Each structure stands twice: as structure tokens, then as C-alpha cells.
Amino acid sequence: MKSLKLFTLALALFTITVSAADLNPVKPTDELRFQIVDLIGTNYNAEMTADEYKADVLFTVTTDRELIVLSVDSDNDQLESYLKAKLNYKKVNHRPSKHGEIYLLPVKMVKEL
């Protein structure tokens, strides 16, 4: 019984991994990118300790025009939390071309001197 549960868990993890590899995210339009930059804002300078941060934001847009952040890939945990707080469930003026379309936006934040 215990081995059956373990096998089921392993199969579920494998299925999730395989389906995540087939996402094929697209680049957001320039208009959507500008809206996201406005949502992120520029008040992060006080919290930055390094001169530059990079992250890849994987998100989708619902039919209600809300951003749903699926993941933020960054070496900095504070940056991940910051981007999720600034972007998740925020309204944008963008209708996805197809239902469930997933976007990948590389983000580079540079500290102003």
C-alpha cells in the first residue's frame, strides 16, 4: 500500500514536470510590457542592495484582464516577493489572443545612483 502511494506521487510529479516543459511561453506585446513596467514602479531603489537584479516572470492574463503570476525565477527571494506583490491580480488593458496563453517577461531592475 505504501509503495502504491509512493508510485502515485512519483507519477503525478512526472506528469506535472512534463506538462510544464510544454508551456512554450510567448513574449508579451509592447503595450502589455509598458503596463507591467508601470505596475512595478520605481520605488524599489531603497530596498536594493545590489546594483542590478534580473528575473524571469511567467504569467497569464485572465478574461477579466487580470495578471496571474505563475512563477518568478530569480536568485533573490525579496525580488520574487516584490514582483509577485506588485503584479499578481492587477488589471491591465490586454485581452489574450487565446485562452490560457502564457507569457514570459524578462525583468532587469537597475539601481539608480
PDB file of N, CA and C in Angstrom:
ATOM      1  N   MET A   1       0.823  -1.195   0.000  1.00  0.00           N
ATOM      2  CA  MET A   1       0.000   0.000   0.000  1.00  0.00           C
ATOM      3  C   MET A   1       0.868   1.260   0.000  1.00  0.00           C
ATOM      4  N   LYS A   2       1.929   1.208   0.820  1.00  0.00           N
ATOM      5  CA  LYS A   2       2.821   2.363   0.901  1.00  0.00           C
ATOM      6  C   LYS A   2       3.536   2.597  -0.428  1.00  0.00           C
ATOM      7  N   SER A   3       3.947   1.521  -1.095  1.00  0.00           N
ATOM      8  CA  SER A   3       4.633   1.660  -2.374  1.00  0.00           C
ATOM      9  C   SER A   3       3.675   2.160  -3.458  1.00  0.00           C
ATOM     10  N   LEU A   4       2.401   1.830  -3.366  1.00  0.00           N
ATOM     11  CA  LEU A   4       1.415   2.326  -4.325  1.00  0.00           C
ATOM     12  C   LEU A   4       1.251   3.840  -4.193  1.00  0.00           C
ATOM     13  N   LYS A   5       1.222   4.347  -2.959  1.00  0.00           N
ATOM     14  CA  LYS A   5       1.124   5.789  -2.729  1.00  0.00           C
ATOM     15  C   LYS A   5       2.368   6.497  -3.262  1.00  0.00           C
ATOM     16  N   LEU A   6       3.527   5.907  -3.022  1.00  0.00           N
ATOM     17  CA  LEU A   6       4.779   6.489  -3.488  1.00  0.00           C
ATOM     18  C   LEU A   6       4.827   6.515  -5.014  1.00  0.00           C
ATOM     19  N   PHE A   7       4.375   5.423  -5.639  1.00  0.00           N
ATOM     20  CA  PHE A   7       4.337   5.367  -7.100  1.00  0.00           C
ATOM     21  C   PHE A   7       3.381   6.410  -7.668  1.00  0.00           C
ATOM     22  N   THR A   8       2.231   6.574  -7.047  1.00  0.00           N
ATOM     23  CA  THR A   8       1.253   7.567  -7.495  1.00  0.00           C
ATOM     24  C   THR A   8       1.812   8.980  -7.381  1.00  0.00           C
ATOM     25  N   LEU A   9       2.500   9.260  -6.286  1.00  0.00           N
ATOM     26  CA  LEU A   9       3.113  10.570  -6.105  1.00  0.00           C
ATOM     27  C   LEU A   9       4.191  10.818  -7.161  1.00  0.00           C
ATOM     28  N   ALA A  10       5.021   9.818  -7.416  1.00  0.00           N
ATOM     29  CA  ALA A  10       6.076   9.955  -8.425  1.00  0.00           C
ATOM     30  C   ALA A  10       5.478  10.166  -9.810  1.00  0.00           C
ATOM     31  N   LEU A  11       4.415   9.464 -10.118  1.00  0.00           N
ATOM     32  CA  LEU A  11       3.755   9.620 -11.412  1.00  0.00           C
ATOM     33  C   LEU A  11       3.151  11.016 -11.560  1.00  0.00           C
ATOM     34  N   ALA A  12       2.558  11.530 -10.489  1.00  0.00           N
ATOM     35  CA  ALA A  12       1.977  12.876 -10.525  1.00  0.00           C
ATOM     36  C   ALA A  12       3.060  13.928 -10.742  1.00  0.00           C
ATOM     37  N   LEU A  13       4.181  13.808 -10.046  1.00  0.00           N
ATOM     38  CA  LEU A  13       5.283  14.757 -10.218  1.00  0.00           C
ATOM     39  C   LEU A  13       5.854  14.700 -11.630  1.00  0.00           C
ATOM     40  N   PHE A  14       5.967  13.497 -12.171  1.00  0.00           N
ATOM     41  CA  PHE A  14       6.466  13.345 -13.537  1.00  0.00           C
ATOM     42  C   PHE A  14       5.520  13.999 -14.534  1.00  0.00           C
ATOM     43  N   THR A  15       4.232  13.820 -14.356  1.00  0.00           N
ATOM     44  CA  THR A  15       3.233  14.402 -15.253  1.00  0.00           C
ATOM     45  C   THR A  15       3.283  15.922 -15.211  1.00  0.00           C
ATOM     46  N   ILE A  16       3.406  16.480 -14.010  1.00  0.00           N
ATOM     47  CA  ILE A  16       3.486  17.935 -13.865  1.00  0.00           C
ATOM     48  C   ILE A  16       4.740  18.466 -14.532  1.00  0.00           C
ATOM     49  N   THR A  17       5.858  17.793 -14.364  1.00  0.00           N
ATOM     50  CA  THR A  17       7.123  18.221 -14.953  1.00  0.00           C
ATOM     51  C   THR A  17       7.053  18.185 -16.472  1.00  0.00           C
ATOM     52  N   VAL A  18       6.507  17.134 -17.031  1.00  0.00           N
ATOM     53  CA  VAL A  18       6.402  17.007 -18.486  1.00  0.00           C
ATOM     54  C   VAL A  18       5.466  18.068 -19.049  1.00  0.00           C
ATOM     55  N   SER A  19       4.336  18.310 -18.397  1.00  0.00           N
ATOM     56  CA  SER A  19       3.400  19.310 -18.910  1.00  0.00           C
ATOM     57  C   SER A  19       3.962  20.722 -18.772  1.00  0.00           C
ATOM     58  N   ALA A  20       4.754  20.994 -17.736  1.00  0.00           N
ATOM     59  CA  ALA A  20       5.365  22.310 -17.571  1.00  0.00           C
ATOM     60  C   ALA A  20       6.414  22.569 -18.643  1.00  0.00           C
ATOM     61  N   ALA A  21       7.062  21.540 -19.130  1.00  0.00           N
ATOM     62  CA  ALA A  21       8.076  21.706 -20.169  1.00  0.00           C
ATOM     63  C   ALA A  21       7.457  22.070 -21.512  1.00  0.00           C
ATOM     64  N   ASP A  22       6.168  21.766 -21.698  1.00  0.00           N
ATOM     65  CA  ASP A  22       5.491  22.033 -22.962  1.00  0.00           C
ATOM     66  C   ASP A  22       4.751  23.363 -22.978  1.00  0.00           C
ATOM     67  N   LEU A  23       5.050  24.278 -22.075  1.00  0.00           N
ATOM     68  CA  LEU A  23       4.308  25.527 -21.977  1.00  0.00           C
ATOM     69  C   LEU A  23       4.495  26.430 -23.178  1.00  0.00           C
ATOM     70  N   ASN A  24       5.704  26.543 -23.688  1.00  0.00           N
ATOM     71  CA  ASN A  24       6.024  27.432 -24.795  1.00  0.00           C
ATOM     72  C   ASN A  24       5.484  28.841 -24.579  1.00  0.00           C
ATOM     73  N   PRO A  25       5.997  29.545 -23.575  1.00  0.00           N
ATOM     74  CA  PRO A  25       5.511  30.906 -23.320  1.00  0.00           C
ATOM     75  C   PRO A  25       5.893  31.847 -24.456  1.00  0.00           C
ATOM     76  N   VAL A  26       5.087  32.897 -24.623  1.00  0.00           N
ATOM     77  CA  VAL A  26       5.331  33.886 -25.671  1.00  0.00           C
ATOM     78  C   VAL A  26       5.734  35.204 -25.034  1.00  0.00           C
ATOM     79  N   LYS A  27       6.318  36.080 -25.846  1.00  0.00           N
ATOM     80  CA  LYS A  27       6.687  37.416 -25.364  1.00  0.00           C
ATOM     81  C   LYS A  27       5.435  38.283 -25.321  1.00  0.00           C
ATOM     82  N   PRO A  28       5.294  39.090 -24.286  1.00  0.00           N
ATOM     83  CA  PRO A  28       4.145  40.000 -24.244  1.00  0.00           C
ATOM     84  C   PRO A  28       4.314  41.123 -25.262  1.00  0.00           C
ATOM     85  N   THR A  29       3.202  41.712 -25.655  1.00  0.00           N
ATOM     86  CA  THR A  29       3.248  42.834 -26.586  1.00  0.00           C
ATOM     87  C   THR A  29       3.917  44.028 -25.899  1.00  0.00           C
ATOM     88  N   ASP A  30       4.353  44.993 -26.694  1.00  0.00           N
ATOM     89  CA  ASP A  30       4.994  46.185 -26.132  1.00  0.00           C
ATOM     90  C   ASP A  30       4.046  46.929 -25.196  1.00  0.00           C
ATOM     91  N   GLU A  31       2.774  47.019 -25.579  1.00  0.00           N
ATOM     92  CA  GLU A  31       1.790  47.721 -24.750  1.00  0.00           C
ATOM     93  C   GLU A  31       1.636  47.038 -23.384  1.00  0.00           C
ATOM     94  N   LEU A  32       1.547  45.717 -23.393  1.00  0.00           N
ATOM     95  CA  LEU A  32       1.429  44.971 -22.131  1.00  0.00           C
ATOM     96  C   LEU A  32       2.702  45.125 -21.304  1.00  0.00           C
ATOM     97  N   ARG A  33       3.841  45.077 -21.955  1.00  0.00           N
ATOM     98  CA  ARG A  33       5.120  45.236 -21.250  1.00  0.00           C
ATOM     99  C   ARG A  33       5.199  46.601 -20.571  1.00  0.00           C
ATOM    100  N   PHE A  34       4.781  47.661 -21.265  1.00  0.00           N
ATOM    101  CA  PHE A  34       4.790  49.006 -20.674  1.00  0.00           C
ATOM    102  C   PHE A  34       3.854  49.097 -19.475  1.00  0.00           C
ATOM    103  N   GLN A  35       2.700  48.446 -19.556  1.00  0.00           N
ATOM    104  CA  GLN A  35       1.767  48.440 -18.430  1.00  0.00           C
ATOM    105  C   GLN A  35       2.367  47.724 -17.219  1.00  0.00           C
ATOM    106  N   ILE A  36       3.081  46.640 -17.468  1.00  0.00           N
ATOM    107  CA  ILE A  36       3.715  45.895 -16.379  1.00  0.00           C
ATOM    108  C   ILE A  36       4.826  46.720 -15.742  1.00  0.00           C
ATOM    109  N   VAL A  37       5.598  47.421 -16.561  1.00  0.00           N
ATOM    110  CA  VAL A  37       6.653  48.294 -16.030  1.00  0.00           C
ATOM    111  C   VAL A  37       6.039  49.368 -15.135  1.00  0.00           C
ATOM    112  N   ASP A  38       4.899  49.931 -15.544  1.00  0.00           N
ATOM    113  CA  ASP A  38       4.207  50.925 -14.716  1.00  0.00           C
ATOM    114  C   ASP A  38       3.740  50.319 -13.397  1.00  0.00           C
ATOM    115  N   LEU A  39       3.252  49.073 -13.436  1.00  0.00           N
ATOM    116  CA  LEU A  39       2.799  48.411 -12.209  1.00  0.00           C
ATOM    117  C   LEU A  39       3.953  48.146 -11.245  1.00  0.00           C
ATOM    118  N   ILE A  40       5.101  47.777 -11.801  1.00  0.00           N
ATOM    119  CA  ILE A  40       6.271  47.505 -10.949  1.00  0.00           C
ATOM    120  C   ILE A  40       6.725  48.789 -10.272  1.00  0.00           C
ATOM    121  N   GLY A  41       6.714  49.894 -10.998  1.00  0.00           N
ATOM    122  CA  GLY A  41       7.083  51.176 -10.415  1.00  0.00           C
ATOM    123  C   GLY A  41       8.580  51.344 -10.261  1.00  0.00           C
ATOM    124  N   THR A  42       8.957  52.437  -9.575  1.00  0.00           N
ATOM    125  CA  THR A  42      10.374  52.750  -9.399  1.00  0.00           C
ATOM    126  C   THR A  42      10.754  52.928  -7.937  1.00  0.00           C
ATOM    127  N   ASN A  43       9.886  52.571  -7.018  1.00  0.00           N
ATOM    128  CA  ASN A  43      10.178  52.786  -5.603  1.00  0.00           C
ATOM    129  C   ASN A  43      10.937  51.618  -4.967  1.00  0.00           C
ATOM    130  N   TYR A  44      11.553  50.791  -5.751  1.00  0.00           N
ATOM    131  CA  TYR A  44      12.315  49.659  -5.232  1.00  0.00           C
ATOM    132  C   TYR A  44      13.764  50.025  -4.936  1.00  0.00           C
ATOM    133  N   ASN A  45      14.213  51.205  -5.320  1.00  0.00           N
ATOM    134  CA  ASN A  45      15.619  51.596  -5.139  1.00  0.00           C
ATOM    135  C   ASN A  45      16.072  51.545  -3.687  1.00  0.00           C
ATOM    136  N   ALA A  46      15.220  51.932  -2.746  1.00  0.00           N
ATOM    137  CA  ALA A  46      15.611  51.955  -1.337  1.00  0.00           C
ATOM    138  C   ALA A  46      15.844  50.543  -0.800  1.00  0.00           C
ATOM    139  N   GLU A  47      15.177  49.559  -1.382  1.00  0.00           N
ATOM    140  CA  GLU A  47      15.281  48.186  -0.900  1.00  0.00           C
ATOM    141  C   GLU A  47      16.399  47.393  -1.571  1.00  0.00           C
ATOM    142  N   MET A  48      16.992  47.937  -2.615  1.00  0.00           N
ATOM    143  CA  MET A  48      18.003  47.202  -3.371  1.00  0.00           C
ATOM    144  C   MET A  48      19.376  47.323  -2.719  1.00  0.00           C
ATOM    145  N   THR A  49      20.023  46.213  -2.532  1.00  0.00           N
ATOM    146  CA  THR A  49      21.382  46.232  -2.001  1.00  0.00           C
ATOM    147  C   THR A  49      22.403  46.065  -3.129  1.00  0.00           C
ATOM    148  N   ALA A  50      22.037  45.321  -4.153  1.00  0.00           N
ATOM    149  CA  ALA A  50      22.918  45.153  -5.312  1.00  0.00           C
ATOM    150  C   ALA A  50      22.585  46.220  -6.346  1.00  0.00           C
ATOM    151  N   ASP A  51      23.468  46.394  -7.326  1.00  0.00           N
ATOM    152  CA  ASP A  51      23.246  47.396  -8.363  1.00  0.00           C
ATOM    153  C   ASP A  51      22.247  46.931  -9.423  1.00  0.00           C
ATOM    154  N   GLU A  52      22.069  45.621  -9.550  1.00  0.00           N
ATOM    155  CA  GLU A  52      21.214  45.098 -10.610  1.00  0.00           C
ATOM    156  C   GLU A  52      20.597  43.765 -10.193  1.00  0.00           C
ATOM    157  N   TYR A  53      19.326  43.582 -10.546  1.00  0.00           N
ATOM    158  CA  TYR A  53      18.629  42.316 -10.321  1.00  0.00           C
ATOM    159  C   TYR A  53      17.999  41.877 -11.627  1.00  0.00           C
ATOM    160  N   LYS A  54      17.942  40.566 -11.830  1.00  0.00           N
ATOM    161  CA  LYS A  54      17.296  40.004 -13.009  1.00  0.00           C
ATOM    162  C   LYS A  54      16.309  38.931 -12.570  1.00  0.00           C
ATOM    163  N   ALA A  55      15.213  38.832 -13.309  1.00  0.00           N
ATOM    164  CA  ALA A  55      14.207  37.811 -13.029  1.00  0.00           C
ATOM    165  C   ALA A  55      13.458  37.499 -14.313  1.00  0.00           C
ATOM    166  N   ASP A  56      12.921  36.305 -14.386  1.00  0.00           N
ATOM    167  CA  ASP A  56      12.026  35.912 -15.470  1.00  0.00           C
ATOM    168  C   ASP A  56      10.654  35.684 -14.858  1.00  0.00           C
ATOM    169  N   VAL A  57       9.679  36.442 -15.325  1.00  0.00           N
ATOM    170  CA  VAL A  57       8.323  36.369 -14.784  1.00  0.00           C
ATOM    171  C   VAL A  57       7.455  35.609 -15.779  1.00  0.00           C
ATOM    172  N   LEU A  58       6.864  34.518 -15.319  1.00  0.00           N
ATOM    173  CA  LEU A  58       5.951  33.714 -16.112  1.00  0.00           C
ATOM    174  C   LEU A  58       4.543  34.033 -15.637  1.00  0.00           C
ATOM    175  N   PHE A  59       3.679  34.503 -16.539  1.00  0.00           N
ATOM    176  CA  PHE A  59       2.343  34.920 -16.126  1.00  0.00           C
ATOM    177  C   PHE A  59       1.325  34.668 -17.231  1.00  0.00           C
ATOM    178  N   THR A  60       0.068  34.798 -16.872  1.00  0.00           N
ATOM    179  CA  THR A  60      -1.029  34.704 -17.817  1.00  0.00           C
ATOM    180  C   THR A  60      -1.983  35.864 -17.555  1.00  0.00           C
ATOM    181  N   VAL A  61      -2.865  36.132 -18.509  1.00  0.00           N
ATOM    182  CA  VAL A  61      -3.871  37.177 -18.365  1.00  0.00           C
ATOM    183  C   VAL A  61      -5.235  36.521 -18.486  1.00  0.00           C
ATOM    184  N   THR A  62      -6.098  36.763 -17.494  1.00  0.00           N
ATOM    185  CA  THR A  62      -7.419  36.151 -17.491  1.00  0.00           C
ATOM    186  C   THR A  62      -8.360  36.899 -18.434  1.00  0.00           C
ATOM    187  N   THR A  63      -9.549  36.353 -18.616  1.00  0.00           N
ATOM    188  CA  THR A  63     -10.550  37.029 -19.445  1.00  0.00           C
ATOM    189  C   THR A  63     -11.047  38.310 -18.782  1.00  0.00           C
ATOM    190  N   ASP A  64     -10.852  38.426 -17.459  1.00  0.00           N
ATOM    191  CA  ASP A  64     -11.188  39.654 -16.737  1.00  0.00           C
ATOM    192  C   ASP A  64     -10.055  40.671 -16.788  1.00  0.00           C
ATOM    193  N   ARG A  65      -9.021  40.366 -17.592  1.00  0.00           N
ATOM    194  CA  ARG A  65      -7.850  41.235 -17.784  1.00  0.00           C
ATOM    195  C   ARG A  65      -7.016  41.399 -16.513  1.00  0.00           C
ATOM    196  N   GLU A  66      -6.916  40.339 -15.753  1.00  0.00           N
ATOM    197  CA  GLU A  66      -6.073  40.350 -14.553  1.00  0.00           C
ATOM    198  C   GLU A  66      -4.813  39.538 -14.820  1.00  0.00           C
ATOM    199  N   LEU A  67      -3.683  40.048 -14.333  1.00  0.00           N
ATOM    200  CA  LEU A  67      -2.426  39.304 -14.411  1.00  0.00           C
ATOM    201  C   LEU A  67      -2.429  38.229 -13.327  1.00  0.00           C
ATOM    202  N   ILE A  68      -2.022  37.037 -13.685  1.00  0.00           N
ATOM    203  CA  ILE A  68      -1.831  35.966 -12.720  1.00  0.00           C
ATOM    204  C   ILE A  68      -0.371  35.525 -12.850  1.00  0.00           C
ATOM    205  N   VAL A  69       0.419  35.787 -11.825  1.00  0.00           N
ATOM    206  CA  VAL A  69       1.831  35.413 -11.840  1.00  0.00           C
ATOM    207  C   VAL A  69       1.938  33.928 -11.530  1.00  0.00           C
ATOM    208  N   LEU A  70       2.508  33.182 -12.456  1.00  0.00           N
ATOM    209  CA  LEU A  70       2.678  31.746 -12.277  1.00  0.00           C
ATOM    210  C   LEU A  70       3.985  31.433 -11.563  1.00  0.00           C
ATOM    211  N   SER A  71       5.036  32.152 -11.934  1.00  0.00           N
ATOM    212  CA  SER A  71       6.314  31.966 -11.251  1.00  0.00           C
ATOM    213  C   SER A  71       7.228  33.145 -11.526  1.00  0.00           C
ATOM    214  N   VAL A  72       8.163  33.341 -10.612  1.00  0.00           N
ATOM    215  CA  VAL A  72       9.214  34.339 -10.774  1.00  0.00           C
ATOM    216  C   VAL A  72      10.523  33.606 -10.533  1.00  0.00           C
ATOM    217  N   ASP A  73      11.366  33.566 -11.553  1.00  0.00           N
ATOM    218  CA  ASP A  73      12.652  32.878 -11.458  1.00  0.00           C
ATOM    219  C   ASP A  73      13.747  33.911 -11.235  1.00  0.00           C
ATOM    220  N   SER A  74      14.276  33.942 -10.007  1.00  0.00           N
ATOM    221  CA  SER A  74      15.317  34.902  -9.648  1.00  0.00           C
ATOM    222  C   SER A  74      16.168  34.310  -8.535  1.00  0.00           C
ATOM    223  N   ASP A  75      17.388  34.819  -8.421  1.00  0.00           N
ATOM    224  CA  ASP A  75      18.267  34.384  -7.332  1.00  0.00           C
ATOM    225  C   ASP A  75      17.921  35.090  -6.022  1.00  0.00           C
ATOM    226  N   ASN A  76      17.138  36.146  -6.093  1.00  0.00           N
ATOM    227  CA  ASN A  76      16.819  36.958  -4.925  1.00  0.00           C
ATOM    228  C   ASN A  76      15.372  36.716  -4.486  1.00  0.00           C
ATOM    229  N   ASP A  77      15.179  36.198  -3.282  1.00  0.00           N
ATOM    230  CA  ASP A  77      13.836  35.910  -2.775  1.00  0.00           C
ATOM    231  C   ASP A  77      13.018  37.178  -2.557  1.00  0.00           C
ATOM    232  N   GLN A  78      13.676  38.267  -2.140  1.00  0.00           N
ATOM    233  CA  GLN A  78      12.959  39.525  -1.938  1.00  0.00           C
ATOM    234  C   GLN A  78      12.417  40.060  -3.259  1.00  0.00           C
ATOM    235  N   LEU A  79      13.184  39.922  -4.312  1.00  0.00           N
ATOM    236  CA  LEU A  79      12.735  40.371  -5.625  1.00  0.00           C
ATOM    237  C   LEU A  79      11.526  39.554  -6.082  1.00  0.00           C
ATOM    238  N   GLU A  80      11.560  38.253  -5.846  1.00  0.00           N
ATOM    239  CA  GLU A  80      10.423  37.402  -6.204  1.00  0.00           C
ATOM    240  C   GLU A  80       9.165  37.862  -5.489  1.00  0.00           C
ATOM    241  N   SER A  81       9.269  38.089  -4.200  1.00  0.00           N
ATOM    242  CA  SER A  81       8.113  38.543  -3.412  1.00  0.00           C
ATOM    243  C   SER A  81       7.639  39.911  -3.880  1.00  0.00           C
ATOM    244  N   TYR A  82       8.571  40.803  -4.155  1.00  0.00           N
ATOM    245  CA  TYR A  82       8.240  42.151  -4.600  1.00  0.00           C
ATOM    246  C   TYR A  82       7.460  42.115  -5.914  1.00  0.00           C
ATOM    247  N   LEU A  83       7.963  41.348  -6.882  1.00  0.00           N
ATOM    248  CA  LEU A  83       7.305  41.285  -8.185  1.00  0.00           C
ATOM    249  C   LEU A  83       5.937  40.630  -8.094  1.00  0.00           C
ATOM    250  N   LYS A  84       5.822  39.581  -7.291  1.00  0.00           N
ATOM    251  CA  LYS A  84       4.519  38.931  -7.124  1.00  0.00           C
ATOM    252  C   LYS A  84       3.517  39.889  -6.484  1.00  0.00           C
ATOM    253  N   ALA A  85       3.948  40.633  -5.486  1.00  0.00           N
ATOM    254  CA  ALA A  85       3.047  41.574  -4.809  1.00  0.00           C
ATOM    255  C   ALA A  85       2.618  42.704  -5.745  1.00  0.00           C
ATOM    256  N   LYS A  86       3.523  43.159  -6.591  1.00  0.00           N
ATOM    257  CA  LYS A  86       3.219  44.271  -7.487  1.00  0.00           C
ATOM    258  C   LYS A  86       2.355  43.865  -8.683  1.00  0.00           C
ATOM    259  N   LEU A  87       2.455  42.602  -9.111  1.00  0.00           N
ATOM    260  CA  LEU A  87       1.808  42.205 -10.357  1.00  0.00           C
ATOM    261  C   LEU A  87       0.591  41.293 -10.198  1.00  0.00           C
ATOM    262  N   ASN A  88       0.586  40.437  -9.199  1.00  0.00           N
ATOM    263  CA  ASN A  88      -0.458  39.422  -9.100  1.00  0.00           C
ATOM    264  C   ASN A  88      -1.835  40.043  -8.904  1.00  0.00           C
ATOM    265  N   TYR A  89      -2.783  39.649  -9.732  1.00  0.00           N
ATOM    266  CA  TYR A  89      -4.194  40.073  -9.706  1.00  0.00           C
ATOM    267  C   TYR A  89      -4.389  41.553 -10.019  1.00  0.00           C
ATOM    268  N   LYS A  90      -3.452  42.170 -10.708  1.00  0.00           N
ATOM    269  CA  LYS A  90      -3.594  43.566 -11.122  1.00  0.00           C
ATOM    270  C   LYS A  90      -4.249  43.605 -12.505  1.00  0.00           C
ATOM    271  N   LYS A  91      -5.080  44.608 -12.738  1.00  0.00           N
ATOM    272  CA  LYS A  91      -5.790  44.761 -14.008  1.00  0.00           C
ATOM    273  C   LYS A  91      -4.885  45.413 -15.053  1.00  0.00           C
ATOM    274  N   VAL A  92      -4.991  44.932 -16.289  1.00  0.00           N
ATOM    275  CA  VAL A  92      -4.283  45.504 -17.428  1.00  0.00           C
ATOM    276  C   VAL A  92      -5.257  45.640 -18.595  1.00  0.00           C
ATOM    277  N   ASN A  93      -4.908  46.446 -19.560  1.00  0.00           N
ATOM    278  CA  ASN A  93      -5.733  46.618 -20.765  1.00  0.00           C
ATOM    279  C   ASN A  93      -5.220  45.704 -21.863  1.00  0.00           C
ATOM    280  N   HIS A  94      -5.372  44.409 -21.658  1.00  0.00           N
ATOM    281  CA  HIS A  94      -4.890  43.440 -22.644  1.00  0.00           C
ATOM    282  C   HIS A  94      -5.830  42.244 -22.648  1.00  0.00           C
ATOM    283  N   ARG A  95      -6.238  41.850 -23.815  1.00  0.00           N
ATOM    284  CA  ARG A  95      -7.022  40.631 -23.967  1.00  0.00           C
ATOM    285  C   ARG A  95      -6.111  39.584 -24.608  1.00  0.00           C
ATOM    286  N   PRO A  96      -5.981  38.424 -23.979  1.00  0.00           N
ATOM    287  CA  PRO A  96      -5.134  37.392 -24.582  1.00  0.00           C
ATOM    288  C   PRO A  96      -5.713  36.921 -25.915  1.00  0.00           C
ATOM    289  N   SER A  97      -4.838  36.588 -26.850  1.00  0.00           N
ATOM    290  CA  SER A  97      -5.300  36.149 -28.166  1.00  0.00           C
ATOM    291  C   SER A  97      -5.942  34.766 -28.102  1.00  0.00           C
ATOM    292  N   LYS A  98      -5.517  33.946 -27.117  1.00  0.00           N
ATOM    293  CA  LYS A  98      -6.173  32.656 -26.916  1.00  0.00           C
ATOM    294  C   LYS A  98      -6.222  32.352 -25.429  1.00  0.00           C
ATOM    295  N   HIS A  99      -7.202  31.580 -25.038  1.00  0.00           N
ATOM    296  CA  HIS A  99      -7.414  31.245 -23.631  1.00  0.00           C
ATOM    297  C   HIS A  99      -6.222  30.466 -23.072  1.00  0.00           C
ATOM    298  N   GLY A 100      -5.744  30.892 -21.911  1.00  0.00           N
ATOM    299  CA  GLY A 100      -4.657  30.186 -21.250  1.00  0.00           C
ATOM    300  C   GLY A 100      -3.276  30.500 -21.796  1.00  0.00           C
ATOM    301  N   GLU A 101      -3.154  31.548 -22.598  1.00  0.00           N
ATOM    302  CA  GLU A 101      -1.855  31.914 -23.159  1.00  0.00           C
ATOM    303  C   GLU A 101      -0.909  32.329 -22.028  1.00  0.00           C
ATOM    304  N   ILE A 102       0.307  31.825 -22.070  1.00  0.00           N
ATOM    305  CA  ILE A 102       1.300  32.080 -21.032  1.00  0.00           C
ATOM    306  C   ILE A 102       2.409  32.941 -21.616  1.00  0.00           C
ATOM    307  N   TYR A 103       2.783  33.964 -20.847  1.00  0.00           N
ATOM    308  CA  TYR A 103       3.793  34.930 -21.280  1.00  0.00           C
ATOM    309  C   TYR A 103       5.040  34.807 -20.411  1.00  0.00           C
ATOM    310  N   LEU A 104       6.179  35.094 -21.013  1.00  0.00           N
ATOM    311  CA  LEU A 104       7.452  35.131 -20.297  1.00  0.00           C
ATOM    312  C   LEU A 104       8.042  36.523 -20.487  1.00  0.00           C
ATOM    313  N   LEU A 105       8.255  37.219 -19.366  1.00  0.00           N
ATOM    314  CA  LEU A 105       8.811  38.561 -19.413  1.00  0.00           C
ATOM    315  C   LEU A 105      10.110  38.603 -18.612  1.00  0.00           C
ATOM    316  N   PRO A 106      11.252  38.806 -19.287  1.00  0.00           N
ATOM    317  CA  PRO A 106      12.491  39.010 -18.537  1.00  0.00           C
ATOM    318  C   PRO A 106      12.487  40.410 -17.930  1.00  0.00           C
ATOM    319  N   VAL A 107      12.811  40.500 -16.650  1.00  0.00           N
ATOM    320  CA  VAL A 107      12.815  41.781 -15.943  1.00  0.00           C
ATOM    321  C   VAL A 107      14.237  42.065 -15.476  1.00  0.00           C
ATOM    322  N   LYS A 108      14.692  43.279 -15.736  1.00  0.00           N
ATOM    323  CA  LYS A 108      16.013  43.724 -15.273  1.00  0.00           C
ATOM    324  C   LYS A 108      15.803  45.024 -14.506  1.00  0.00           C
ATOM    325  N   MET A 109      16.145  45.016 -13.232  1.00  0.00           N
ATOM    326  CA  MET A 109      15.973  46.193 -12.377  1.00  0.00           C
ATOM    327  C   MET A 109      17.348  46.715 -12.027  1.00  0.00           C
ATOM    328  N   VAL A 110      17.606  47.977 -12.368  1.00  0.00           N
ATOM    329  CA  VAL A 110      18.914  48.587 -12.150  1.00  0.00           C
ATOM    330  C   VAL A 110      18.754  49.709 -11.127  1.00  0.00           C
ATOM    331  N   LYS A 111      19.642  49.719 -10.152  1.00  0.00           N
ATOM    332  CA  LYS A 111      19.611  50.744  -9.112  1.00  0.00           C
ATOM    333  C   LYS A 111      20.092  52.072  -9.681  1.00  0.00           C
ATOM    334  N   GLU A 112      19.302  53.123  -9.440  1.00  0.00           N
ATOM    335  CA  GLU A 112      19.695  54.447  -9.895  1.00  0.00           C
ATOM    336  C   GLU A 112      20.644  55.063  -8.879  1.00  0.00           C
ATOM    337  N   LEU A 113      21.661  55.708  -9.365  1.00  0.00           N
ATOM    338  CA  LEU A 113      22.646  56.309  -8.467  1.00  0.00           C
ATOM    339  C   LEU A 113      22.324  57.744  -8.164  1.00  0.00           C
TER     340      LEU A 113
END
